[in-house]
Amino acid sequence: MRLHQRGMTFIGLLCILALVGAIGYAVIRLVPVYLNYMKIARTMEMTGTEVKGDNPDPGNMRRILERHWAIEDPTAVDVRDIQITKDDSGVQMHVAYDDPVPYIGNVSLSVHFDKTVKVQ
């Protein structure tokens, strides 16, 4: 009897395909969100390297950031959402946001991003 019980049943195959399909669909929905975050992080890093070395002025940093923002055009946050603070160690830019993505029906995936760039 045991010799005839080899392999996977059709129902088992369907369950595995459904699981792989659900995970694959989630990945497809989340890739644009992560690409958008990479745009935001890249603009903050480029702004930080442009003003590095001299005494960075938060107003000048905001203008440079807006210029890079116009080129990259990220959609999740606005340039005004980036906090620029000056302290003893230098200037830092910080942004924290949640980006929800609709998944299936009324179920959505929410991703939290938090990025800080320090300019010495």
Foldseek 3Di string as FASTA:
>chain_A
DVVVDDDDDPVRVVVVVVVVVLVVLVCVQCVVVVVLVVLLQVLQVVLLVVCAPDQDDPVVSLVSSVVSCVVSVRDPDDSVQWDWDADDVHIKIKHWDKDWTCRPDPDIDIDIDIDMDGGD
